[in-house]
Amino acid sequence: VDRNAVAAVVQDWTGIPTGRMLSSQTEKALKLAATLSERVVGQDHAMEMIAKRVQTSRAGLGAPEKPVGVFLLCGPSGVGKTETALALAETLYGGEQNLISINMSEFQEAHTVSTLKGAPPGYVGYGKGGILTEAVRRKPYSVILLDEVEKAHPDVHEIFFQVFDKGMMDDSEGRRIDFKNTLILLTSNVGSDVIMDRTKNGTVRTGIDDLDQALRAPLLKVFPAAFLGRVVTIPYYPLSDAMIEAIARHQFGKIARRLK
């Protein structure tokens, strides 16, 4: 019995991917931006921002009770927001299976919001656990991807304030679910038209600070200021022809490795 076998058993029992995740954490954190940029093409600024937050957390300089990081990724569809989540799960937590992905467009009605943490007593589904809380309880070390968050009912914002501030959420059965070892990514298409206009459909590399300022107004029309103040907003550039070519090469490379 070697350490890999022990790590595999611990992972099965606890949901904590001890084998790959806990090896060389310092080295992984230092090289995180470069590692992510190998998979997510043309969004180096985003990889740097996320990497710096992870490095701060790994160094023990962040609030220990809060999630590793909470980021709002804004931009058109198909620019690498979901790929960012997959790359982070692979790099930080040992595999893409440690990604919890929830499509927030399924929570447009007020009565559906409570199912994220479990149906209350007397309602259908009580005792089954919440969609989000049960997933995090089973995989406490994971990347949480909340896709199309702008389509969810506004009550969702209130639920997540507790997670963003205190790193925990109480489910419908009174269990306290710990989020402090998770990294949370929210994606949104809000302001995509602004980004496309400022970058001339991806042909002009506008400064990130300019895009961030331009996004502020459309974001405030959808999200309360208190919500935006708790997340790090990262604009994503539209794909240029060169970026699409690089992505195609990367995908062909993956296919070639599989064939070998």
C-alpha atoms as a PDB file:
ATOM      1  CA  VAL A   1       0.000   0.000   0.000  1.00  0.00           C
ATOM      2  CA  ASP A   2       1.580   3.281  -1.107  1.00  0.00           C
ATOM      3  CA  ARG A   3       0.591   6.909  -0.579  1.00  0.00           C
ATOM      4  CA  ASN A   4      -1.393   6.992  -3.826  1.00  0.00           C
ATOM      5  CA  ALA A   5      -3.602   4.145  -2.624  1.00  0.00           C
ATOM      6  CA  VAL A   6      -4.179   5.898   0.702  1.00  0.00           C
ATOM      7  CA  ALA A   7      -4.985   9.156  -1.113  1.00  0.00           C
ATOM      8  CA  ALA A   8      -7.501   7.342  -3.340  1.00  0.00           C
ATOM      9  CA  VAL A   9      -9.308   5.891  -0.297  1.00  0.00           C
ATOM     10  CA  VAL A  10      -9.388   9.278   1.447  1.00  0.00           C
ATOM     11  CA  GLN A  11     -10.807  10.844  -1.723  1.00  0.00           C
ATOM     12  CA  ASP A  12     -13.574   8.213  -1.915  1.00  0.00           C
ATOM     13  CA  TRP A  13     -14.502   8.775   1.731  1.00  0.00           C
ATOM     14  CA  THR A  14     -14.356  12.554   1.926  1.00  0.00           C
ATOM     15  CA  GLY A  15     -14.620  13.907  -1.609  1.00  0.00           C
ATOM     16  CA  ILE A  16     -11.271  15.661  -1.093  1.00  0.00           C
ATOM     17  CA  PRO A  17      -8.919  14.932  -4.041  1.00  0.00           C
ATOM     18  CA  THR A  18      -5.849  14.540  -1.833  1.00  0.00           C
ATOM     19  CA  GLY A  19      -3.696  12.763  -4.407  1.00  0.00           C
ATOM     20  CA  ARG A  20      -3.154  15.423  -7.073  1.00  0.00           C
ATOM     21  CA  MET A  21      -4.572  18.449  -5.326  1.00  0.00           C
ATOM     22  CA  LEU A  22      -2.250  18.470  -2.322  1.00  0.00           C
ATOM     23  CA  SER A  23       0.966  17.838  -4.226  1.00  0.00           C
ATOM     24  CA  SER A  24       3.252  20.821  -4.823  1.00  0.00           C
ATOM     25  CA  GLN A  25       0.601  23.413  -3.947  1.00  0.00           C
ATOM     26  CA  THR A  26       3.106  26.267  -3.836  1.00  0.00           C
ATOM     27  CA  GLU A  27       4.522  25.412  -7.254  1.00  0.00           C
ATOM     28  CA  LYS A  28       1.024  25.085  -8.738  1.00  0.00           C
ATOM     29  CA  ALA A  29      -0.026  28.464  -7.359  1.00  0.00           C
ATOM     30  CA  LEU A  30       3.067  30.211  -8.708  1.00  0.00           C
ATOM     31  CA  LYS A  31       2.604  28.759 -12.191  1.00  0.00           C
ATOM     32  CA  LEU A  32      -1.196  28.990 -12.203  1.00  0.00           C
ATOM     33  CA  ALA A  33      -1.576  31.908 -14.654  1.00  0.00           C
ATOM     34  CA  ALA A  34       0.728  30.287 -17.221  1.00  0.00           C
ATOM     35  CA  THR A  35      -0.963  26.899 -16.803  1.00  0.00           C
ATOM     36  CA  LEU A  36      -4.439  28.356 -17.288  1.00  0.00           C
ATOM     37  CA  SER A  37      -3.343  30.398 -20.318  1.00  0.00           C
ATOM     38  CA  GLU A  38      -2.329  27.189 -22.079  1.00  0.00           C
ATOM     39  CA  ARG A  39      -6.014  26.189 -22.142  1.00  0.00           C
ATOM     40  CA  VAL A  40      -7.819  29.537 -22.186  1.00  0.00           C
ATOM     41  CA  VAL A  41      -6.600  31.483 -25.216  1.00  0.00           C
ATOM     42  CA  GLY A  42      -6.462  35.278 -25.371  1.00  0.00           C
ATOM     43  CA  GLN A  43      -7.676  36.010 -21.830  1.00  0.00           C
ATOM     44  CA  ASP A  44      -4.317  36.354 -20.074  1.00  0.00           C
ATOM     45  CA  HIS A  45      -5.566  39.274 -17.966  1.00  0.00           C
ATOM     46  CA  ALA A  46      -8.300  37.075 -16.490  1.00  0.00           C
ATOM     47  CA  MET A  47      -5.880  34.257 -15.731  1.00  0.00           C
ATOM     48  CA  GLU A  48      -3.546  36.703 -13.963  1.00  0.00           C
ATOM     49  CA  MET A  49      -6.353  38.146 -11.825  1.00  0.00           C
ATOM     50  CA  ILE A  50      -7.604  34.725 -10.786  1.00  0.00           C
ATOM     51  CA  ALA A  51      -4.078  33.438 -10.143  1.00  0.00           C
ATOM     52  CA  LYS A  52      -3.237  36.396  -7.883  1.00  0.00           C
ATOM     53  CA  ARG A  53      -6.326  35.746  -5.777  1.00  0.00           C
ATOM     54  CA  VAL A  54      -5.483  32.051  -5.461  1.00  0.00           C
ATOM     55  CA  GLN A  55      -1.883  32.884  -4.531  1.00  0.00           C
ATOM     56  CA  THR A  56      -3.111  35.284  -1.837  1.00  0.00           C
ATOM     57  CA  SER A  57      -5.331  32.564  -0.412  1.00  0.00           C
ATOM     58  CA  ARG A  58      -2.591  29.924  -0.541  1.00  0.00           C
ATOM     59  CA  ALA A  59      -0.221  32.286   1.280  1.00  0.00           C
ATOM     60  CA  GLY A  60      -2.749  32.663   4.101  1.00  0.00           C
ATOM     61  CA  LEU A  61      -3.234  36.380   3.474  1.00  0.00           C
ATOM     62  CA  GLY A  62      -6.928  36.184   2.588  1.00  0.00           C
ATOM     63  CA  ALA A  63      -9.898  35.848   4.944  1.00  0.00           C
ATOM     64  CA  PRO A  64      -9.736  32.156   5.977  1.00  0.00           C
ATOM     65  CA  GLU A  65     -13.504  31.770   6.323  1.00  0.00           C
ATOM     66  CA  LYS A  66     -14.337  33.054   2.823  1.00  0.00           C
ATOM     67  CA  PRO A  67     -14.192  31.150  -0.492  1.00  0.00           C
ATOM     68  CA  VAL A  68     -10.818  31.131  -2.254  1.00  0.00           C
ATOM     69  CA  GLY A  69     -12.227  33.667  -4.727  1.00  0.00           C
ATOM     70  CA  VAL A  70     -15.497  34.906  -6.220  1.00  0.00           C
ATOM     71  CA  PHE A  71     -15.370  36.137  -9.822  1.00  0.00           C
ATOM     72  CA  LEU A  72     -17.981  37.444 -12.258  1.00  0.00           C
ATOM     73  CA  LEU A  73     -16.849  36.638 -15.801  1.00  0.00           C
ATOM     74  CA  CYS A  74     -18.563  38.911 -18.339  1.00  0.00           C
ATOM     75  CA  GLY A  75     -18.495  38.604 -22.098  1.00  0.00           C
ATOM     76  CA  PRO A  76     -20.086  37.054 -25.181  1.00  0.00           C
ATOM     77  CA  SER A  77     -20.685  33.318 -25.419  1.00  0.00           C
ATOM     78  CA  GLY A  78     -17.833  31.087 -26.520  1.00  0.00           C
ATOM     79  CA  VAL A  79     -14.898  33.199 -25.325  1.00  0.00           C
ATOM     80  CA  GLY A  80     -13.560  30.837 -22.645  1.00  0.00           C
ATOM     81  CA  LYS A  81     -15.585  31.434 -19.477  1.00  0.00           C
ATOM     82  CA  THR A  82     -16.595  27.798 -19.017  1.00  0.00           C
ATOM     83  CA  GLU A  83     -13.163  26.609 -20.147  1.00  0.00           C
ATOM     84  CA  THR A  84     -11.693  28.746 -17.353  1.00  0.00           C
ATOM     85  CA  ALA A  85     -13.754  26.820 -14.798  1.00  0.00           C
ATOM     86  CA  LEU A  86     -12.695  23.469 -16.258  1.00  0.00           C
ATOM     87  CA  ALA A  87      -9.029  24.493 -16.289  1.00  0.00           C
ATOM     88  CA  LEU A  88      -9.202  25.634 -12.657  1.00  0.00           C
ATOM     89  CA  ALA A  89     -10.855  22.395 -11.539  1.00  0.00           C
ATOM     90  CA  GLU A  90      -8.166  20.411 -13.351  1.00  0.00           C
ATOM     91  CA  THR A  91      -5.259  22.468 -12.005  1.00  0.00           C
ATOM     92  CA  LEU A  92      -6.328  23.264  -8.437  1.00  0.00           C
ATOM     93  CA  TYR A  93      -8.544  20.362  -7.456  1.00  0.00           C
ATOM     94  CA  GLY A  94      -7.167  17.421  -9.381  1.00  0.00           C
ATOM     95  CA  GLY A  95      -9.636  16.973 -12.225  1.00  0.00           C
ATOM     96  CA  GLU A  96     -12.591  18.331 -14.165  1.00  0.00           C
ATOM     97  CA  GLN A  97     -14.878  16.066 -12.138  1.00  0.00           C
ATOM     98  CA  ASN A  98     -14.413  18.543  -9.283  1.00  0.00           C
ATOM     99  CA  LEU A  99     -16.434  21.187 -11.125  1.00  0.00           C
ATOM    100  CA  ILE A 100     -19.935  21.889  -9.821  1.00  0.00           C
ATOM    101  CA  SER A 101     -21.837  23.489 -12.706  1.00  0.00           C
ATOM    102  CA  ILE A 102     -25.309  24.984 -12.231  1.00  0.00           C
ATOM    103  CA  ASN A 103     -27.301  26.720 -14.965  1.00  0.00           C
ATOM    104  CA  MET A 104     -28.894  29.651 -13.157  1.00  0.00           C
ATOM    105  CA  SER A 105     -31.505  30.141 -15.897  1.00  0.00           C
ATOM    106  CA  GLU A 106     -33.353  27.263 -14.206  1.00  0.00           C
ATOM    107  CA  PHE A 107     -34.043  29.497 -11.195  1.00  0.00           C
ATOM    108  CA  GLN A 108     -36.054  32.285 -12.808  1.00  0.00           C
ATOM    109  CA  GLU A 109     -39.068  31.793 -10.525  1.00  0.00           C
ATOM    110  CA  ALA A 110     -38.975  32.849  -6.870  1.00  0.00           C
ATOM    111  CA  HIS A 111     -40.144  29.453  -5.582  1.00  0.00           C
ATOM    112  CA  THR A 112     -37.269  27.647  -7.333  1.00  0.00           C
ATOM    113  CA  VAL A 113     -34.537  29.652  -5.583  1.00  0.00           C
ATOM    114  CA  SER A 114     -34.951  27.751  -2.307  1.00  0.00           C
ATOM    115  CA  THR A 115     -34.098  24.460  -4.040  1.00  0.00           C
ATOM    116  CA  LEU A 116     -30.467  25.609  -4.174  1.00  0.00           C
ATOM    117  CA  LYS A 117     -30.246  24.907  -0.441  1.00  0.00           C
ATOM    118  CA  GLY A 118     -33.141  22.448  -0.184  1.00  0.00           C
ATOM    119  CA  ALA A 119     -36.908  22.512  -0.078  1.00  0.00           C
ATOM    120  CA  PRO A 120     -38.337  23.714   3.262  1.00  0.00           C
ATOM    121  CA  PRO A 121     -40.321  21.315   5.520  1.00  0.00           C
ATOM    122  CA  GLY A 122     -43.725  20.433   4.099  1.00  0.00           C
ATOM    123  CA  TYR A 123     -42.696  21.021   0.481  1.00  0.00           C
ATOM    124  CA  VAL A 124     -41.979  18.488  -2.225  1.00  0.00           C
ATOM    125  CA  GLY A 125     -38.313  17.503  -2.164  1.00  0.00           C
ATOM    126  CA  TYR A 126     -37.695  18.104   1.536  1.00  0.00           C
ATOM    127  CA  GLY A 127     -34.974  15.803   2.822  1.00  0.00           C
ATOM    128  CA  LYS A 128     -33.244  15.395  -0.534  1.00  0.00           C
ATOM    129  CA  GLY A 129     -30.755  18.191   0.054  1.00  0.00           C
ATOM    130  CA  GLY A 130     -30.238  21.352  -1.960  1.00  0.00           C
ATOM    131  CA  ILE A 131     -28.930  21.318  -5.508  1.00  0.00           C
ATOM    132  CA  LEU A 132     -25.964  23.480  -4.534  1.00  0.00           C
ATOM    133  CA  THR A 133     -25.501  22.606  -0.860  1.00  0.00           C
ATOM    134  CA  GLU A 134     -25.578  18.850  -1.420  1.00  0.00           C
ATOM    135  CA  ALA A 135     -23.047  19.110  -4.253  1.00  0.00           C
ATOM    136  CA  VAL A 136     -20.661  21.152  -2.077  1.00  0.00           C
ATOM    137  CA  ARG A 137     -21.195  18.852   0.912  1.00  0.00           C
ATOM    138  CA  ARG A 138     -20.081  15.911  -1.223  1.00  0.00           C
ATOM    139  CA  LYS A 139     -17.241  17.846  -2.913  1.00  0.00           C
ATOM    140  CA  PRO A 140     -15.988  20.495  -0.465  1.00  0.00           C
ATOM    141  CA  TYR A 141     -12.904  21.137  -2.618  1.00  0.00           C
ATOM    142  CA  SER A 142     -14.273  22.228  -5.975  1.00  0.00           C
ATOM    143  CA  VAL A 143     -14.846  24.983  -8.509  1.00  0.00           C
ATOM    144  CA  ILE A 144     -18.453  26.215  -8.526  1.00  0.00           C
ATOM    145  CA  LEU A 145     -19.679  27.531 -11.884  1.00  0.00           C
ATOM    146  CA  LEU A 146     -22.927  29.522 -11.741  1.00  0.00           C
ATOM    147  CA  ASP A 147     -23.728  29.950 -15.415  1.00  0.00           C
ATOM    148  CA  GLU A 148     -25.895  32.782 -16.800  1.00  0.00           C
ATOM    149  CA  VAL A 149     -26.413  34.221 -13.329  1.00  0.00           C
ATOM    150  CA  GLU A 150     -28.234  37.271 -14.713  1.00  0.00           C
ATOM    151  CA  LYS A 151     -31.201  35.047 -15.660  1.00  0.00           C
ATOM    152  CA  ALA A 152     -31.840  33.911 -12.078  1.00  0.00           C
ATOM    153  CA  HIS A 153     -34.495  35.473  -9.852  1.00  0.00           C
ATOM    154  CA  PRO A 154     -33.194  38.441  -7.788  1.00  0.00           C
ATOM    155  CA  ASP A 155     -33.743  36.439  -4.573  1.00  0.00           C
ATOM    156  CA  VAL A 156     -30.640  34.459  -5.555  1.00  0.00           C
ATOM    157  CA  HIS A 157     -28.488  37.468  -4.670  1.00  0.00           C
ATOM    158  CA  GLU A 158     -29.642  37.354  -1.051  1.00  0.00           C
ATOM    159  CA  ILE A 159     -28.781  33.656  -0.750  1.00  0.00           C
ATOM    160  CA  PHE A 160     -25.243  34.186  -1.967  1.00  0.00           C
ATOM    161  CA  PHE A 161     -24.432  37.158   0.275  1.00  0.00           C
ATOM    162  CA  GLN A 162     -23.895  34.711   3.145  1.00  0.00           C
ATOM    163  CA  VAL A 163     -21.630  32.522   1.017  1.00  0.00           C
ATOM    164  CA  PHE A 164     -19.549  35.427  -0.273  1.00  0.00           C
ATOM    165  CA  ASP A 165     -19.191  37.046   3.179  1.00  0.00           C
ATOM    166  CA  LYS A 166     -18.960  34.093   5.562  1.00  0.00           C
ATOM    167  CA  GLY A 167     -18.108  31.151   3.326  1.00  0.00           C
ATOM    168  CA  MET A 168     -21.031  29.031   4.439  1.00  0.00           C
ATOM    169  CA  MET A 169     -24.707  28.310   3.828  1.00  0.00           C
ATOM    170  CA  ASP A 170     -27.263  26.502   5.993  1.00  0.00           C
ATOM    171  CA  ASP A 171     -29.298  23.935   4.087  1.00  0.00           C
ATOM    172  CA  SER A 172     -32.973  23.132   4.690  1.00  0.00           C
ATOM    173  CA  GLU A 173     -32.073  20.483   7.288  1.00  0.00           C
ATOM    174  CA  GLY A 174     -30.008  22.871   9.370  1.00  0.00           C
ATOM    175  CA  ARG A 175     -26.612  21.567   8.281  1.00  0.00           C
ATOM    176  CA  ARG A 176     -23.921  24.192   7.820  1.00  0.00           C
ATOM    177  CA  ILE A 177     -22.242  23.746   4.429  1.00  0.00           C
ATOM    178  CA  ASP A 178     -18.679  25.051   4.223  1.00  0.00           C
ATOM    179  CA  PHE A 179     -17.637  26.937   1.064  1.00  0.00           C
ATOM    180  CA  LYS A 180     -14.217  28.144   2.235  1.00  0.00           C
ATOM    181  CA  ASN A 181     -12.328  25.643   0.065  1.00  0.00           C
ATOM    182  CA  THR A 182     -14.292  26.412  -3.096  1.00  0.00           C
ATOM    183  CA  LEU A 183     -13.566  28.859  -5.901  1.00  0.00           C
ATOM    184  CA  ILE A 184     -16.739  30.444  -7.272  1.00  0.00           C
ATOM    185  CA  LEU A 185     -17.154  31.626 -10.866  1.00  0.00           C
ATOM    186  CA  LEU A 186     -20.290  33.382 -12.085  1.00  0.00           C
ATOM    187  CA  THR A 187     -20.773  33.964 -15.801  1.00  0.00           C
ATOM    188  CA  SER A 188     -22.925  36.590 -17.474  1.00  0.00           C
ATOM    189  CA  ASN A 189     -23.645  37.924 -20.947  1.00  0.00           C
ATOM    190  CA  VAL A 190     -24.685  41.308 -19.539  1.00  0.00           C
ATOM    191  CA  GLY A 191     -22.780  44.060 -21.321  1.00  0.00           C
ATOM    192  CA  SER A 192     -21.661  41.827 -24.185  1.00  0.00           C
ATOM    193  CA  ASP A 193     -22.843  44.430 -26.682  1.00  0.00           C
ATOM    194  CA  VAL A 194     -20.719  47.051 -24.897  1.00  0.00           C
ATOM    195  CA  ILE A 195     -17.651  44.812 -25.064  1.00  0.00           C
ATOM    196  CA  MET A 196     -18.239  44.035 -28.748  1.00  0.00           C
ATOM    197  CA  ASP A 197     -18.646  47.733 -29.521  1.00  0.00           C
ATOM    198  CA  ARG A 198     -15.541  48.842 -27.583  1.00  0.00           C
ATOM    199  CA  THR A 199     -13.371  46.126 -29.152  1.00  0.00           C
ATOM    200  CA  LYS A 200     -14.817  46.538 -32.679  1.00  0.00           C
ATOM    201  CA  ASN A 201     -15.990  42.902 -32.632  1.00  0.00           C
ATOM    202  CA  GLY A 202     -12.667  41.669 -31.329  1.00  0.00           C
ATOM    203  CA  THR A 203     -10.409  43.510 -33.767  1.00  0.00           C
ATOM    204  CA  VAL A 204      -9.246  46.148 -31.245  1.00  0.00           C
ATOM    205  CA  ARG A 205      -7.582  45.289 -27.917  1.00  0.00           C
ATOM    206  CA  THR A 206      -9.245  47.833 -25.623  1.00  0.00           C
ATOM    207  CA  GLY A 207      -7.750  48.270 -22.154  1.00  0.00           C
ATOM    208  CA  ILE A 208      -9.278  46.155 -19.397  1.00  0.00           C
ATOM    209  CA  ASP A 209      -9.830  49.190 -17.166  1.00  0.00           C
ATOM    210  CA  ASP A 210     -11.825  50.864 -19.951  1.00  0.00           C
ATOM    211  CA  LEU A 211     -13.961  47.746 -20.444  1.00  0.00           C
ATOM    212  CA  ASP A 212     -14.488  47.449 -16.703  1.00  0.00           C
ATOM    213  CA  GLN A 213     -15.752  51.028 -16.498  1.00  0.00           C
ATOM    214  CA  ALA A 214     -17.983  50.575 -19.546  1.00  0.00           C
ATOM    215  CA  LEU A 215     -19.546  47.446 -18.016  1.00  0.00           C
ATOM    216  CA  ARG A 216     -20.441  49.158 -14.764  1.00  0.00           C
ATOM    217  CA  ALA A 217     -23.677  50.777 -15.981  1.00  0.00           C
ATOM    218  CA  PRO A 218     -25.230  47.698 -17.658  1.00  0.00           C
ATOM    219  CA  LEU A 219     -24.250  45.494 -14.711  1.00  0.00           C
ATOM    220  CA  LEU A 220     -25.913  47.841 -12.210  1.00  0.00           C
ATOM    221  CA  LYS A 221     -29.159  47.533 -14.180  1.00  0.00           C
ATOM    222  CA  VAL A 222     -29.211  43.798 -13.438  1.00  0.00           C
ATOM    223  CA  PHE A 223     -27.293  43.274 -10.197  1.00  0.00           C
ATOM    224  CA  PRO A 224     -27.492  45.304  -6.956  1.00  0.00           C
ATOM    225  CA  ALA A 225     -24.397  47.280  -6.017  1.00  0.00           C
ATOM    226  CA  ALA A 226     -24.033  45.190  -2.848  1.00  0.00           C
ATOM    227  CA  PHE A 227     -23.740  42.070  -5.000  1.00  0.00           C
ATOM    228  CA  LEU A 228     -21.181  43.570  -7.391  1.00  0.00           C
ATOM    229  CA  GLY A 229     -19.157  44.827  -4.437  1.00  0.00           C
ATOM    230  CA  ARG A 230     -18.643  41.257  -3.268  1.00  0.00           C
ATOM    231  CA  VAL A 231     -17.313  39.853  -6.556  1.00  0.00           C
ATOM    232  CA  VAL A 232     -14.345  40.583  -8.808  1.00  0.00           C
ATOM    233  CA  THR A 233     -15.664  41.487 -12.263  1.00  0.00           C
ATOM    234  CA  ILE A 234     -13.518  40.318 -15.182  1.00  0.00           C
ATOM    235  CA  PRO A 235     -14.393  41.287 -18.789  1.00  0.00           C
ATOM    236  CA  TYR A 236     -13.551  38.692 -21.446  1.00  0.00           C
ATOM    237  CA  TYR A 237     -12.393  39.762 -24.896  1.00  0.00           C
ATOM    238  CA  PRO A 238     -14.259  38.562 -28.005  1.00  0.00           C
ATOM    239  CA  LEU A 239     -12.297  36.049 -30.066  1.00  0.00           C
ATOM    240  CA  SER A 240     -10.159  37.422 -32.877  1.00  0.00           C
ATOM    241  CA  ASP A 241      -9.172  35.336 -35.903  1.00  0.00           C
ATOM    242  CA  ALA A 242      -5.746  34.704 -34.368  1.00  0.00           C
ATOM    243  CA  MET A 243      -7.323  33.499 -31.119  1.00  0.00           C
ATOM    244  CA  ILE A 244      -9.680  31.157 -32.988  1.00  0.00           C
ATOM    245  CA  GLU A 245      -6.706  29.746 -34.898  1.00  0.00           C
ATOM    246  CA  ALA A 246      -4.821  29.150 -31.629  1.00  0.00           C
ATOM    247  CA  ILE A 247      -7.856  27.413 -30.108  1.00  0.00           C
ATOM    248  CA  ALA A 248      -8.168  25.175 -33.167  1.00  0.00           C
ATOM    249  CA  ARG A 249      -4.488  24.202 -32.891  1.00  0.00           C
ATOM    250  CA  HIS A 250      -4.962  23.412 -29.214  1.00  0.00           C
ATOM    251  CA  GLN A 251      -7.985  21.199 -29.911  1.00  0.00           C
ATOM    252  CA  PHE A 252      -6.193  19.361 -32.707  1.00  0.00           C
ATOM    253  CA  GLY A 253      -3.287  18.834 -30.326  1.00  0.00           C
ATOM    254  CA  LYS A 254      -5.606  17.223 -27.777  1.00  0.00           C
ATOM    255  CA  ILE A 255      -6.995  14.899 -30.454  1.00  0.00           C
ATOM    256  CA  ALA A 256      -3.478  13.965 -31.558  1.00  0.00           C
ATOM    257  CA  ARG A 257      -2.505  13.080 -27.977  1.00  0.00           C
ATOM    258  CA  ARG A 258      -5.564  10.862 -27.619  1.00  0.00           C
ATOM    259  CA  LEU A 259      -4.763   9.016 -30.843  1.00  0.00           C
ATOM    260  CA  LYS A 260      -1.276   8.242 -29.553  1.00  0.00           C
END
